[in-house]
PDB file of N, CA and C in Angstrom:
ATOM      1  N   UNK A   1     128.493  68.806 206.753  1.00  0.00           N
ATOM      2  CA  UNK A   1     129.114  68.521 208.208  1.00  0.00           C
ATOM      3  C   UNK A   1     130.425  68.330 207.724  1.00  0.00           C
ATOM      4  N   UNK A   2     131.657  68.847 208.301  1.00  0.00           N
ATOM      5  CA  UNK A   2     132.822  69.743 207.837  1.00  0.00           C
ATOM      6  C   UNK A   2     133.691  68.328 208.214  1.00  0.00           C
ATOM      7  N   UNK A   3     135.055  68.309 207.600  1.00  0.00           N
ATOM      8  CA  UNK A   3     135.781  67.221 207.658  1.00  0.00           C
ATOM      9  C   UNK A   3     136.259  67.479 208.732  1.00  0.00           C
ATOM     10  N   UNK A   4     137.072  66.647 209.615  1.00  0.00           N
ATOM     11  CA  UNK A   4     137.975  66.948 210.472  1.00  0.00           C
ATOM     12  C   UNK A   4     139.054  66.266 210.016  1.00  0.00           C
ATOM     13  N   UNK A   5     140.737  67.056 210.477  1.00  0.00           N
ATOM     14  CA  UNK A   5     141.553  67.415 209.668  1.00  0.00           C
ATOM     15  C   UNK A   5     142.290  66.594 211.090  1.00  0.00           C
ATOM     16  N   UNK A   6     143.942  66.151 210.292  1.00  0.00           N
ATOM     17  CA  UNK A   6     144.844  65.675 211.276  1.00  0.00           C
ATOM     18  C   UNK A   6     145.430  66.550 212.458  1.00  0.00           C
ATOM     19  N   UNK A   7     145.748  66.651 213.288  1.00  0.00           N
ATOM     20  CA  UNK A   7     146.583  67.353 213.792  1.00  0.00           C
ATOM     21  C   UNK A   7     147.958  68.064 213.048  1.00  0.00           C
ATOM     22  N   UNK A   8     148.615  67.157 212.457  1.00  0.00           N
ATOM     23  CA  UNK A   8     150.137  67.290 211.699  1.00  0.00           C
ATOM     24  C   UNK A   8     149.292  68.317 210.790  1.00  0.00           C
ATOM     25  N   UNK A   9     148.692  67.951 210.139  1.00  0.00           N
ATOM     26  CA  UNK A   9     147.934  68.905 208.755  1.00  0.00           C
ATOM     27  C   UNK A   9     148.052  70.066 209.448  1.00  0.00           C
ATOM     28  N   UNK A  10     147.086  70.333 210.569  1.00  0.00           N
ATOM     29  CA  UNK A  10     147.061  72.107 210.921  1.00  0.00           C
ATOM     30  C   UNK A  10     148.198  72.810 211.524  1.00  0.00           C
ATOM     31  N   UNK A  11     149.137  72.073 212.269  1.00  0.00           N
ATOM     32  CA  UNK A  11     150.480  72.476 212.590  1.00  0.00           C
ATOM     33  C   UNK A  11     151.250  72.964 211.614  1.00  0.00           C
ATOM     34  N   UNK A  12     151.214  71.988 210.575  1.00  0.00           N
ATOM     35  CA  UNK A  12     152.474  72.220 209.393  1.00  0.00           C
ATOM     36  C   UNK A  12     151.305  73.532 208.642  1.00  0.00           C
ATOM     37  N   UNK A  13     150.111  73.555 208.556  1.00  0.00           N
ATOM     38  CA  UNK A  13     149.724  74.854 207.623  1.00  0.00           C
ATOM     39  C   UNK A  13     149.396  75.787 208.389  1.00  0.00           C
ATOM     40  N   UNK A  14     149.616  76.036 209.393  1.00  0.00           N
ATOM     41  CA  UNK A  14     149.740  77.360 210.340  1.00  0.00           C
ATOM     42  C   UNK A  14     151.401  77.737 210.534  1.00  0.00           C
ATOM     43  N   UNK A  15     151.937  76.823 210.441  1.00  0.00           N
ATOM     44  CA  UNK A  15     153.506  77.041 210.499  1.00  0.00           C
ATOM     45  C   UNK A  15     154.169  77.762 209.594  1.00  0.00           C
ATOM     46  N   UNK A  16     153.291  77.037 208.230  1.00  0.00           N
ATOM     47  CA  UNK A  16     154.041  77.699 207.106  1.00  0.00           C
ATOM     48  C   UNK A  16     153.258  79.191 207.249  1.00  0.00           C
ATOM     49  N   UNK A  17     152.047  79.417 207.238  1.00  0.00           N
ATOM     50  CA  UNK A  17     151.457  80.696 207.277  1.00  0.00           C
ATOM     51  C   UNK A  17     151.894  81.648 207.518  1.00  0.00           C
ATOM     52  N   UNK A  18     152.060  81.460 209.224  1.00  0.00           N
ATOM     53  CA  UNK A  18     152.953  82.639 209.956  1.00  0.00           C
ATOM     54  C   UNK A  18     154.700  82.287 209.445  1.00  0.00           C
ATOM     55  N   UNK A  19     154.973  81.633 209.194  1.00  0.00           N
ATOM     56  CA  UNK A  19     156.296  82.230 208.128  1.00  0.00           C
ATOM     57  C   UNK A  19     156.246  82.562 207.188  1.00  0.00           C
ATOM     58  N   UNK A  20     155.729  82.560 206.071  1.00  0.00           N
ATOM     59  CA  UNK A  20     155.358  83.681 205.022  1.00  0.00           C
ATOM     60  C   UNK A  20     154.016  83.979 204.911  1.00  0.00           C
ATOM     61  N   UNK A  21     153.698  84.924 205.597  1.00  0.00           N
ATOM     62  CA  UNK A  21     152.186  85.178 205.569  1.00  0.00           C
ATOM     63  C   UNK A  21     152.061  85.404 204.404  1.00  0.00           C
ATOM     64  N   UNK A  22     152.597  86.914 203.411  1.00  0.00           N
ATOM     65  CA  UNK A  22     152.711  87.503 202.564  1.00  0.00           C
ATOM     66  C   UNK A  22     152.466  86.375 200.925  1.00  0.00           C
ATOM     67  N   UNK A  23     152.916  85.449 200.850  1.00  0.00           N
ATOM     68  CA  UNK A  23     153.053  84.153 199.989  1.00  0.00           C
ATOM     69  C   UNK A  23     151.575  83.820 199.739  1.00  0.00           C
ATOM     70  N   UNK A  24     150.601  82.863 200.985  1.00  0.00           N
ATOM     71  CA  UNK A  24     149.876  82.117 200.615  1.00  0.00           C
ATOM     72  C   UNK A  24     148.332  83.578 200.174  1.00  0.00           C
ATOM     73  N   UNK A  25     147.961  83.390 199.560  1.00  0.00           N
ATOM     74  CA  UNK A  25     145.899  84.078 199.460  1.00  0.00           C
ATOM     75  C   UNK A  25     145.372  82.929 199.265  1.00  0.00           C
ATOM     76  N   UNK A  26     144.372  83.193 198.973  1.00  0.00           N
ATOM     77  CA  UNK A  26     142.823  82.557 199.365  1.00  0.00           C
ATOM     78  C   UNK A  26     142.511  81.463 197.717  1.00  0.00           C
ATOM     79  N   UNK A  27     143.408  81.426 196.868  1.00  0.00           N
ATOM     80  CA  UNK A  27     143.561  80.461 196.248  1.00  0.00           C
ATOM     81  C   UNK A  27     144.137  79.231 196.102  1.00  0.00           C
ATOM     82  N   UNK A  28     143.192  78.203 196.302  1.00  0.00           N
ATOM     83  CA  UNK A  28     143.963  76.384 196.264  1.00  0.00           C
ATOM     84  C   UNK A  28     144.747  76.150 195.607  1.00  0.00           C
ATOM     85  N   UNK A  29     144.883  76.456 194.701  1.00  0.00           N
ATOM     86  CA  UNK A  29     145.586  75.926 193.518  1.00  0.00           C
ATOM     87  C   UNK A  29     147.336  77.008 193.746  1.00  0.00           C
ATOM     88  N   UNK A  30     147.535  78.048 193.736  1.00  0.00           N
ATOM     89  CA  UNK A  30     148.562  78.462 194.036  1.00  0.00           C
ATOM     90  C   UNK A  30     149.108  78.192 195.416  1.00  0.00           C
ATOM     91  N   UNK A  31     147.852  78.235 196.077  1.00  0.00           N
ATOM     92  CA  UNK A  31     148.601  77.057 197.780  1.00  0.00           C
ATOM     93  C   UNK A  31     149.667  76.029 197.371  1.00  0.00           C
ATOM     94  N   UNK A  32     148.632  75.679 197.012  1.00  0.00           N
ATOM     95  CA  UNK A  32     149.092  73.783 196.372  1.00  0.00           C
ATOM     96  C   UNK A  32     150.314  73.991 195.535  1.00  0.00           C
ATOM     97  N   UNK A  33     150.718  74.863 194.579  1.00  0.00           N
ATOM     98  CA  UNK A  33     152.330  75.428 194.192  1.00  0.00           C
ATOM     99  C   UNK A  33     153.277  75.529 195.530  1.00  0.00           C
ATOM    100  N   UNK A  34     152.845  76.154 196.009  1.00  0.00           N
ATOM    101  CA  UNK A  34     153.994  77.040 196.758  1.00  0.00           C
ATOM    102  C   UNK A  34     154.384  75.955 197.543  1.00  0.00           C
ATOM    103  N   UNK A  35     153.231  75.059 198.572  1.00  0.00           N
ATOM    104  CA  UNK A  35     152.894  73.770 199.544  1.00  0.00           C
ATOM    105  C   UNK A  35     154.255  72.894 198.850  1.00  0.00           C
ATOM    106  N   UNK A  36     154.131  72.292 197.335  1.00  0.00           N
ATOM    107  CA  UNK A  36     154.632  71.451 196.870  1.00  0.00           C
ATOM    108  C   UNK A  36     155.893  71.756 196.786  1.00  0.00           C
ATOM    109  N   UNK A  37     156.350  73.055 196.592  1.00  0.00           N
ATOM    110  CA  UNK A  37     157.360  73.340 196.307  1.00  0.00           C
ATOM    111  C   UNK A  37     158.150  73.440 197.831  1.00  0.00           C
ATOM    112  N   UNK A  38     157.666  73.610 198.768  1.00  0.00           N
ATOM    113  CA  UNK A  38     158.196  74.037 200.252  1.00  0.00           C
ATOM    114  C   UNK A  38     158.540  72.672 200.770  1.00  0.00           C
ATOM    115  N   UNK A  39     157.142  71.702 200.793  1.00  0.00           N
ATOM    116  CA  UNK A  39     157.701  70.437 201.595  1.00  0.00           C
ATOM    117  C   UNK A  39     158.316  69.864 200.203  1.00  0.00           C
ATOM    118  N   UNK A  40     159.261  68.985 200.130  1.00  0.00           N
ATOM    119  CA  UNK A  40     159.714  67.860 199.377  1.00  0.00           C
ATOM    120  C   UNK A  40     159.122  67.136 199.774  1.00  0.00           C
ATOM    121  N   UNK A  41     158.987  65.598 199.079  1.00  0.00           N
ATOM    122  CA  UNK A  41     158.599  64.484 198.966  1.00  0.00           C
ATOM    123  C   UNK A  41     156.955  64.141 199.950  1.00  0.00           C
ATOM    124  N   UNK A  42     156.436  64.821 199.539  1.00  0.00           N
ATOM    125  CA  UNK A  42     154.652  64.718 200.186  1.00  0.00           C
ATOM    126  C   UNK A  42     154.320  64.311 198.948  1.00  0.00           C
ATOM    127  N   UNK A  43     152.812  63.599 199.849  1.00  0.00           N
ATOM    128  CA  UNK A  43     152.020  62.576 199.012  1.00  0.00           C
ATOM    129  C   UNK A  43     151.651  64.188 198.431  1.00  0.00           C
ATOM    130  N   UNK A  44     150.769  63.642 197.246  1.00  0.00           N
ATOM    131  CA  UNK A  44     149.703  64.591 196.788  1.00  0.00           C
ATOM    132  C   UNK A  44     148.283  64.485 197.657  1.00  0.00           C
ATOM    133  N   UNK A  45     148.208  63.699 198.530  1.00  0.00           N
ATOM    134  CA  UNK A  45     147.146  63.435 199.401  1.00  0.00           C
ATOM    135  C   UNK A  45     147.524  64.646 200.499  1.00  0.00           C
ATOM    136  N   UNK A  46     148.719  64.379 201.005  1.00  0.00           N
ATOM    137  CA  UNK A  46     149.230  65.184 202.439  1.00  0.00           C
ATOM    138  C   UNK A  46     149.001  66.878 201.444  1.00  0.00           C
ATOM    139  N   UNK A  47     149.502  67.073 200.321  1.00  0.00           N
ATOM    140  CA  UNK A  47     149.605  68.392 199.789  1.00  0.00           C
ATOM    141  C   UNK A  47     148.531  68.773 199.803  1.00  0.00           C
ATOM    142  N   UNK A  48     147.540  68.585 199.289  1.00  0.00           N
ATOM    143  CA  UNK A  48     146.170  68.692 198.953  1.00  0.00           C
ATOM    144  C   UNK A  48     145.370  69.244 200.462  1.00  0.00           C
ATOM    145  N   UNK A  49     145.501  68.419 201.174  1.00  0.00           N
ATOM    146  CA  UNK A  49     145.467  68.602 202.712  1.00  0.00           C
ATOM    147  C   UNK A  49     145.886  69.707 203.217  1.00  0.00           C
ATOM    148  N   UNK A  50     147.150  69.706 203.462  1.00  0.00           N
ATOM    149  CA  UNK A  50     147.654  70.716 203.905  1.00  0.00           C
ATOM    150  C   UNK A  50     147.201  72.448 203.456  1.00  0.00           C
ATOM    151  N   UNK A  51     147.253  72.259 201.669  1.00  0.00           N
ATOM    152  CA  UNK A  51     147.161  73.155 201.263  1.00  0.00           C
ATOM    153  C   UNK A  51     145.670  73.465 201.241  1.00  0.00           C
ATOM    154  N   UNK A  52     144.350  72.637 201.714  1.00  0.00           N
ATOM    155  CA  UNK A  52     143.152  73.072 202.024  1.00  0.00           C
ATOM    156  C   UNK A  52     142.944  73.897 202.956  1.00  0.00           C
ATOM    157  N   UNK A  53     144.085  73.724 204.136  1.00  0.00           N
ATOM    158  CA  UNK A  53     143.550  73.961 205.461  1.00  0.00           C
ATOM    159  C   UNK A  53     144.543  75.168 205.562  1.00  0.00           C
ATOM    160  N   UNK A  54     145.682  75.471 204.802  1.00  0.00           N
ATOM    161  CA  UNK A  54     145.878  77.025 204.523  1.00  0.00           C
ATOM    162  C   UNK A  54     145.205  77.908 204.455  1.00  0.00           C
ATOM    163  N   UNK A  55     144.300  77.866 202.797  1.00  0.00           N
ATOM    164  CA  UNK A  55     143.275  77.835 201.971  1.00  0.00           C
ATOM    165  C   UNK A  55     141.724  78.794 203.101  1.00  0.00           C
ATOM    166  N   UNK A  56     142.057  77.683 204.041  1.00  0.00           N
ATOM    167  CA  UNK A  56     140.544  77.666 204.964  1.00  0.00           C
ATOM    168  C   UNK A  56     141.034  78.616 206.280  1.00  0.00           C
ATOM    169  N   UNK A  57     142.528  78.315 206.379  1.00  0.00           N
ATOM    170  CA  UNK A  57     142.887  79.393 207.455  1.00  0.00           C
ATOM    171  C   UNK A  57     142.795  81.268 207.021  1.00  0.00           C
ATOM    172  N   UNK A  58     143.210  81.043 205.665  1.00  0.00           N
ATOM    173  CA  UNK A  58     143.630  82.932 205.209  1.00  0.00           C
ATOM    174  C   UNK A  58     142.432  82.947 205.648  1.00  0.00           C
ATOM    175  N   UNK A  59     140.802  81.709 204.761  1.00  0.00           N
ATOM    176  CA  UNK A  59     139.911  83.169 204.765  1.00  0.00           C
ATOM    177  C   UNK A  59     139.455  83.405 205.732  1.00  0.00           C
ATOM    178  N   UNK A  60     139.453  82.574 206.866  1.00  0.00           N
ATOM    179  CA  UNK A  60     138.912  82.780 208.155  1.00  0.00           C
ATOM    180  C   UNK A  60     139.699  83.847 209.188  1.00  0.00           C
ATOM    181  N   UNK A  61     140.803  83.879 208.764  1.00  0.00           N
ATOM    182  CA  UNK A  61     142.040  85.220 209.313  1.00  0.00           C
ATOM    183  C   UNK A  61     141.401  86.458 208.698  1.00  0.00           C
ATOM    184  N   UNK A  62     141.054  86.275 207.499  1.00  0.00           N
ATOM    185  CA  UNK A  62     140.450  87.804 206.806  1.00  0.00           C
ATOM    186  C   UNK A  62     138.952  88.115 207.532  1.00  0.00           C
ATOM    187  N   UNK A  63     138.403  86.996 207.836  1.00  0.00           N
ATOM    188  CA  UNK A  63     136.598  87.656 208.360  1.00  0.00           C
ATOM    189  C   UNK A  63     136.953  87.637 209.628  1.00  0.00           C
ATOM    190  N   UNK A  64     137.802  87.323 210.536  1.00  0.00           N
ATOM    191  CA  UNK A  64     137.552  87.642 211.931  1.00  0.00           C
ATOM    192  C   UNK A  64     138.437  88.833 211.795  1.00  0.00           C
ATOM    193  N   UNK A  65     139.098  89.338 210.882  1.00  0.00           N
ATOM    194  CA  UNK A  65     139.863  90.444 211.261  1.00  0.00           C
ATOM    195  C   UNK A  65     138.388  92.358 210.839  1.00  0.00           C
ATOM    196  N   UNK A  66     137.911  91.257 209.431  1.00  0.00           N
ATOM    197  CA  UNK A  66     136.869  92.320 209.344  1.00  0.00           C
ATOM    198  C   UNK A  66     135.568  92.228 210.324  1.00  0.00           C
ATOM    199  N   UNK A  67     135.328  91.377 210.916  1.00  0.00           N
ATOM    200  CA  UNK A  67     134.379  91.452 212.059  1.00  0.00           C
ATOM    201  C   UNK A  67     135.158  91.922 213.310  1.00  0.00           C
ATOM    202  N   UNK A  68     136.516  92.081 213.683  1.00  0.00           N
ATOM    203  CA  UNK A  68     136.753  92.937 214.826  1.00  0.00           C
ATOM    204  C   UNK A  68     136.822  93.943 213.862  1.00  0.00           C
ATOM    205  N   UNK A  69     137.028  94.777 212.980  1.00  0.00           N
ATOM    206  CA  UNK A  69     137.060  96.042 212.826  1.00  0.00           C
ATOM    207  C   UNK A  69     135.299  96.825 212.956  1.00  0.00           C
ATOM    208  N   UNK A  70     134.482  95.739 212.225  1.00  0.00           N
ATOM    209  CA  UNK A  70     132.965  96.248 212.321  1.00  0.00           C
ATOM    210  C   UNK A  70     133.150  96.538 214.382  1.00  0.00           C
ATOM    211  N   UNK A  71     133.071  95.802 215.012  1.00  0.00           N
ATOM    212  CA  UNK A  71     132.756  95.809 216.155  1.00  0.00           C
ATOM    213  C   UNK A  71     133.673  96.664 217.134  1.00  0.00           C
ATOM    214  N   UNK A  72     134.682  97.129 216.681  1.00  0.00           N
ATOM    215  CA  UNK A  72     135.166  98.211 217.420  1.00  0.00           C
ATOM    216  C   UNK A  72     135.191  99.560 216.517  1.00  0.00           C
ATOM    217  N   UNK A  73     134.328  99.459 215.030  1.00  0.00           N
ATOM    218  CA  UNK A  73     134.341 100.421 214.725  1.00  0.00           C
ATOM    219  C   UNK A  73     134.977 101.637 213.839  1.00  0.00           C
ATOM    220  N   UNK A  74     136.294 100.419 213.392  1.00  0.00           N
ATOM    221  CA  UNK A  74     137.545 101.110 213.190  1.00  0.00           C
ATOM    222  C   UNK A  74     137.322 100.558 211.391  1.00  0.00           C
ATOM    223  N   UNK A  75     136.743 101.483 210.243  1.00  0.00           N
ATOM    224  CA  UNK A  75     136.136 100.583 209.097  1.00  0.00           C
ATOM    225  C   UNK A  75     137.092 101.561 208.063  1.00  0.00           C
TER     226      UNK A  75
END
């Protein structure tokens, strides 16, 4: 079973990724350091929730583009 994340976590994570797409990657600890520097005063739990969703969002985005390339035949 997957966990259901609050809407504020998704909103913050997506806005951070869209504003700086080159700074985030698929490494949770790297994303956590960036988010803790970007969001000052956030609790450890919220930082972990947001960085976890950022990591998952990046992975989903990468696999989605790979599947689209395979479907259209552009490899």
